[in-house]
């Protein structure tokens, strides 16, 4: 339950990908994308070689202990998060 509580809240419709990542992802995946409770997402992670659709699917539907964000984030907001992750990976 603690994990889910850390990943809730309402998203500002105009928030940038970085702001959305900070609000919904950083607690588990690290502010620097190097991982914490959740896996690393940055440079050198397995995620670098995955297609954007995979990242989108995991954010929307969840995976393992990661909650689904389909009721919290719009498709556009998820896209901004994916774009932010890719920019941080240098992609």
N, C-alpha and C. Protein backbone atom coordinates (compact mmCIF):
# COMPACT_ATOMS: atom_id res chain seq x y z
N UNK A 1 0.81 -1.18 0.00
CA UNK A 1 0.00 0.00 0.00
C UNK A 1 0.86 1.26 0.00
N UNK A 2 1.99 1.23 0.66
CA UNK A 2 2.88 2.39 0.69
C UNK A 2 3.33 2.76 -0.71
N UNK A 3 3.66 1.77 -1.52
CA UNK A 3 4.10 2.03 -2.88
C UNK A 3 3.03 2.76 -3.66
N UNK A 4 1.79 2.33 -3.55
CA UNK A 4 0.71 2.99 -4.26
C UNK A 4 0.47 4.39 -3.74
N UNK A 5 0.58 4.58 -2.46
CA UNK A 5 0.38 5.90 -1.89
C UNK A 5 1.42 6.89 -2.38
N UNK A 6 2.61 6.43 -2.66
CA UNK A 6 3.68 7.31 -3.13
C UNK A 6 3.47 7.73 -4.57
N UNK A 7 2.59 7.07 -5.30
CA UNK A 7 2.43 7.30 -6.73
C UNK A 7 1.07 7.87 -7.08
N UNK A 8 0.43 8.54 -6.16
CA UNK A 8 -0.90 9.06 -6.44
C UNK A 8 -0.87 10.57 -6.47
N UNK A 9 -1.98 11.14 -6.78
CA UNK A 9 -2.13 12.57 -6.86
C UNK A 9 -2.76 12.92 -8.19
N UNK A 10 -3.07 14.18 -8.37
CA UNK A 10 -3.63 14.59 -9.66
C UNK A 10 -2.55 15.33 -10.43
N UNK A 11 -2.59 15.15 -11.72
CA UNK A 11 -1.57 15.72 -12.59
C UNK A 11 -2.06 17.03 -13.19
N UNK A 12 -1.21 18.01 -13.21
CA UNK A 12 -1.48 19.28 -13.87
C UNK A 12 -1.49 19.02 -15.37
N UNK A 13 -2.55 19.40 -16.04
CA UNK A 13 -2.67 19.14 -17.48
C UNK A 13 -1.54 19.77 -18.29
N UNK A 14 -0.98 20.86 -17.83
CA UNK A 14 0.08 21.54 -18.57
C UNK A 14 1.49 21.19 -18.11
N UNK A 15 1.61 20.23 -17.22
CA UNK A 15 2.92 19.87 -16.67
C UNK A 15 3.83 19.30 -17.74
N UNK A 16 5.10 19.60 -17.63
CA UNK A 16 6.10 19.04 -18.55
C UNK A 16 6.37 17.58 -18.20
N UNK A 17 7.05 16.90 -19.10
CA UNK A 17 7.43 15.52 -18.82
C UNK A 17 8.30 15.41 -17.59
N UNK A 18 9.21 16.37 -17.41
CA UNK A 18 10.08 16.36 -16.23
C UNK A 18 9.27 16.55 -14.96
N UNK A 19 8.30 17.44 -14.99
CA UNK A 19 7.45 17.67 -13.82
C UNK A 19 6.61 16.44 -13.50
N UNK A 20 6.05 15.83 -14.53
CA UNK A 20 5.24 14.62 -14.33
C UNK A 20 6.11 13.48 -13.80
N UNK A 21 7.30 13.32 -14.37
CA UNK A 21 8.22 12.28 -13.89
C UNK A 21 8.54 12.52 -12.41
N UNK A 22 8.83 13.76 -12.07
CA UNK A 22 9.15 14.10 -10.69
C UNK A 22 8.00 13.76 -9.74
N UNK A 23 6.78 14.04 -10.17
CA UNK A 23 5.61 13.80 -9.32
C UNK A 23 5.23 12.33 -9.22
N UNK A 24 5.31 11.61 -10.33
CA UNK A 24 4.75 10.25 -10.35
C UNK A 24 5.78 9.13 -10.43
N UNK A 25 7.01 9.42 -10.80
CA UNK A 25 7.97 8.35 -11.07
C UNK A 25 9.23 8.39 -10.20
N UNK A 26 9.67 9.58 -9.86
CA UNK A 26 10.99 9.75 -9.23
C UNK A 26 11.12 9.04 -7.88
N UNK A 27 10.05 8.97 -7.11
CA UNK A 27 10.14 8.31 -5.80
C UNK A 27 10.61 6.86 -5.93
N UNK A 28 10.16 6.21 -6.97
CA UNK A 28 10.52 4.79 -7.14
C UNK A 28 11.68 4.59 -8.11
N UNK A 29 11.76 5.39 -9.15
CA UNK A 29 12.78 5.19 -10.18
C UNK A 29 13.96 6.14 -10.04
N UNK A 30 13.93 7.01 -9.05
CA UNK A 30 15.02 7.93 -8.77
C UNK A 30 14.94 9.20 -9.57
N UNK A 31 15.26 10.31 -8.94
CA UNK A 31 15.25 11.61 -9.62
C UNK A 31 16.22 11.61 -10.79
N UNK A 32 17.29 10.82 -10.68
CA UNK A 32 18.30 10.74 -11.73
C UNK A 32 18.07 9.55 -12.67
N UNK A 33 16.93 8.88 -12.54
CA UNK A 33 16.53 7.71 -13.34
C UNK A 33 17.42 6.49 -13.10
N UNK A 34 18.20 6.49 -12.03
CA UNK A 34 19.10 5.37 -11.77
C UNK A 34 18.47 4.29 -10.89
N UNK A 35 17.21 4.45 -10.53
CA UNK A 35 16.52 3.44 -9.75
C UNK A 35 16.56 3.71 -8.27
N UNK A 36 15.63 3.15 -7.58
CA UNK A 36 15.51 3.22 -6.12
C UNK A 36 14.71 1.99 -5.74
N UNK A 37 13.44 2.16 -5.42
CA UNK A 37 12.55 1.02 -5.19
C UNK A 37 12.31 0.31 -6.53
N UNK A 38 12.09 1.09 -7.57
CA UNK A 38 11.88 0.57 -8.92
C UNK A 38 13.18 0.51 -9.69
N UNK A 39 13.13 -0.07 -10.85
CA UNK A 39 14.33 -0.24 -11.68
C UNK A 39 14.81 1.08 -12.25
N UNK A 40 16.07 1.10 -12.64
CA UNK A 40 16.65 2.25 -13.32
C UNK A 40 16.07 2.40 -14.71
N UNK A 41 15.94 3.63 -15.16
CA UNK A 41 15.38 3.92 -16.47
C UNK A 41 16.36 4.68 -17.36
N UNK A 42 17.48 5.09 -16.80
CA UNK A 42 18.40 5.97 -17.51
C UNK A 42 19.39 5.24 -18.39
N UNK A 43 20.43 5.96 -18.73
CA UNK A 43 21.50 5.43 -19.57
C UNK A 43 22.02 4.14 -18.95
N UNK A 44 22.20 3.13 -19.79
CA UNK A 44 22.72 1.85 -19.31
C UNK A 44 21.65 0.88 -18.83
N UNK A 45 20.40 1.34 -18.73
CA UNK A 45 19.33 0.44 -18.30
C UNK A 45 18.83 -0.38 -19.48
N UNK A 46 18.14 -1.46 -19.18
CA UNK A 46 17.53 -2.29 -20.22
C UNK A 46 16.47 -1.53 -21.00
N UNK A 47 15.93 -0.49 -20.40
CA UNK A 47 14.86 0.28 -21.02
C UNK A 47 15.33 1.02 -22.28
N UNK A 48 16.62 1.31 -22.34
CA UNK A 48 17.16 2.05 -23.49
C UNK A 48 16.86 1.34 -24.79
N UNK A 49 16.92 0.02 -24.80
CA UNK A 49 16.71 -0.76 -26.02
C UNK A 49 15.26 -1.13 -26.28
N UNK A 50 14.37 -0.78 -25.37
CA UNK A 50 12.95 -1.08 -25.55
C UNK A 50 12.28 0.03 -26.38
N UNK A 51 11.27 -0.32 -27.17
CA UNK A 51 10.55 0.71 -27.94
C UNK A 51 9.70 1.60 -27.03
N UNK A 52 9.39 2.78 -27.52
CA UNK A 52 8.55 3.70 -26.75
C UNK A 52 7.22 3.07 -26.36
N UNK A 53 6.66 2.25 -27.25
CA UNK A 53 5.39 1.60 -26.95
C UNK A 53 5.45 0.72 -25.72
N UNK A 54 6.59 0.10 -25.48
CA UNK A 54 6.76 -0.72 -24.28
C UNK A 54 6.69 0.15 -23.03
N UNK A 55 7.41 1.27 -23.06
CA UNK A 55 7.41 2.18 -21.91
C UNK A 55 6.01 2.70 -21.65
N UNK A 56 5.34 3.11 -22.72
CA UNK A 56 3.97 3.60 -22.61
C UNK A 56 3.06 2.55 -21.99
N UNK A 57 3.17 1.31 -22.46
CA UNK A 57 2.34 0.22 -21.94
C UNK A 57 2.57 -0.01 -20.45
N UNK A 58 3.82 0.04 -20.03
CA UNK A 58 4.12 -0.18 -18.61
C UNK A 58 3.57 0.96 -17.76
N UNK A 59 3.69 2.19 -18.23
CA UNK A 59 3.15 3.32 -17.46
C UNK A 59 1.63 3.21 -17.37
N UNK A 60 0.97 2.93 -18.47
CA UNK A 60 -0.48 2.89 -18.52
C UNK A 60 -1.04 1.69 -17.75
N UNK A 61 -0.45 0.52 -17.93
CA UNK A 61 -1.02 -0.71 -17.38
C UNK A 61 -0.30 -1.26 -16.15
N UNK A 62 0.86 -0.69 -15.81
CA UNK A 62 1.62 -1.19 -14.68
C UNK A 62 2.33 -2.48 -15.04
N UNK A 63 3.20 -2.92 -14.15
CA UNK A 63 3.93 -4.18 -14.35
C UNK A 63 4.51 -4.57 -13.00
N UNK A 64 4.31 -5.81 -12.62
CA UNK A 64 4.82 -6.27 -11.33
C UNK A 64 4.26 -5.41 -10.20
N UNK A 65 5.13 -4.82 -9.39
CA UNK A 65 4.66 -3.99 -8.27
C UNK A 65 4.40 -2.54 -8.68
N UNK A 66 4.67 -2.21 -9.94
CA UNK A 66 4.40 -0.84 -10.40
C UNK A 66 2.92 -0.68 -10.69
N UNK A 67 2.31 0.37 -10.14
CA UNK A 67 0.87 0.58 -10.38
C UNK A 67 0.60 1.08 -11.79
N UNK A 68 -0.61 0.89 -12.24
CA UNK A 68 -1.07 1.42 -13.52
C UNK A 68 -1.46 2.88 -13.35
N UNK A 69 -1.17 3.69 -14.36
CA UNK A 69 -1.50 5.11 -14.30
C UNK A 69 -2.57 5.50 -15.31
N UNK A 70 -3.30 4.52 -15.85
CA UNK A 70 -4.31 4.80 -16.87
C UNK A 70 -5.42 5.70 -16.37
N UNK A 71 -5.68 5.70 -15.09
CA UNK A 71 -6.75 6.56 -14.53
C UNK A 71 -6.20 7.88 -14.00
N UNK A 72 -4.89 8.00 -13.96
CA UNK A 72 -4.25 9.18 -13.38
C UNK A 72 -3.70 10.12 -14.45
N UNK A 73 -3.14 9.54 -15.51
CA UNK A 73 -2.48 10.33 -16.55
C UNK A 73 -3.17 10.17 -17.90
N UNK A 74 -3.23 11.25 -18.65
CA UNK A 74 -3.77 11.18 -20.01
C UNK A 74 -2.70 10.58 -20.93
N UNK A 75 -3.13 10.19 -22.13
CA UNK A 75 -2.18 9.68 -23.12
C UNK A 75 -1.10 10.71 -23.42
N UNK A 76 -1.50 11.96 -23.50
CA UNK A 76 -0.54 13.03 -23.78
C UNK A 76 0.48 13.17 -22.65
N UNK A 77 0.04 13.08 -21.41
CA UNK A 77 0.96 13.17 -20.27
C UNK A 77 1.92 11.98 -20.26
N UNK A 78 1.42 10.80 -20.55
CA UNK A 78 2.29 9.62 -20.63
C UNK A 78 3.34 9.84 -21.71
N UNK A 79 2.92 10.38 -22.85
CA UNK A 79 3.85 10.68 -23.92
C UNK A 79 4.93 11.66 -23.49
N UNK A 80 4.56 12.65 -22.71
CA UNK A 80 5.55 13.61 -22.20
C UNK A 80 6.56 12.94 -21.27
N UNK A 81 6.09 12.00 -20.46
CA UNK A 81 6.99 11.26 -19.58
C UNK A 81 7.95 10.41 -20.40
N UNK A 82 7.43 9.72 -21.40
CA UNK A 82 8.28 8.89 -22.27
C UNK A 82 9.32 9.78 -22.96
N UNK A 83 8.89 10.93 -23.48
CA UNK A 83 9.83 11.86 -24.13
C UNK A 83 10.90 12.33 -23.15
N UNK A 84 10.50 12.61 -21.90
CA UNK A 84 11.47 13.03 -20.89
C UNK A 84 12.47 11.92 -20.61
N UNK A 85 11.99 10.69 -20.42
CA UNK A 85 12.90 9.57 -20.17
C UNK A 85 13.88 9.42 -21.31
N UNK A 86 13.38 9.48 -22.54
CA UNK A 86 14.26 9.36 -23.71
C UNK A 86 15.29 10.49 -23.77
N UNK A 87 14.87 11.70 -23.44
CA UNK A 87 15.82 12.82 -23.48
C UNK A 87 16.91 12.63 -22.42
N UNK A 88 16.55 12.09 -21.27
CA UNK A 88 17.52 11.85 -20.22
C UNK A 88 18.47 10.69 -20.57
N UNK A 89 17.98 9.79 -21.41
CA UNK A 89 18.82 8.67 -21.86
C UNK A 89 19.75 9.12 -23.00
N UNK A 90 19.50 10.32 -23.51
CA UNK A 90 20.29 10.81 -24.63
C UNK A 90 19.79 10.32 -25.96
N UNK A 91 18.55 9.83 -25.98
CA UNK A 91 17.97 9.30 -27.22
C UNK A 91 17.34 10.41 -28.04
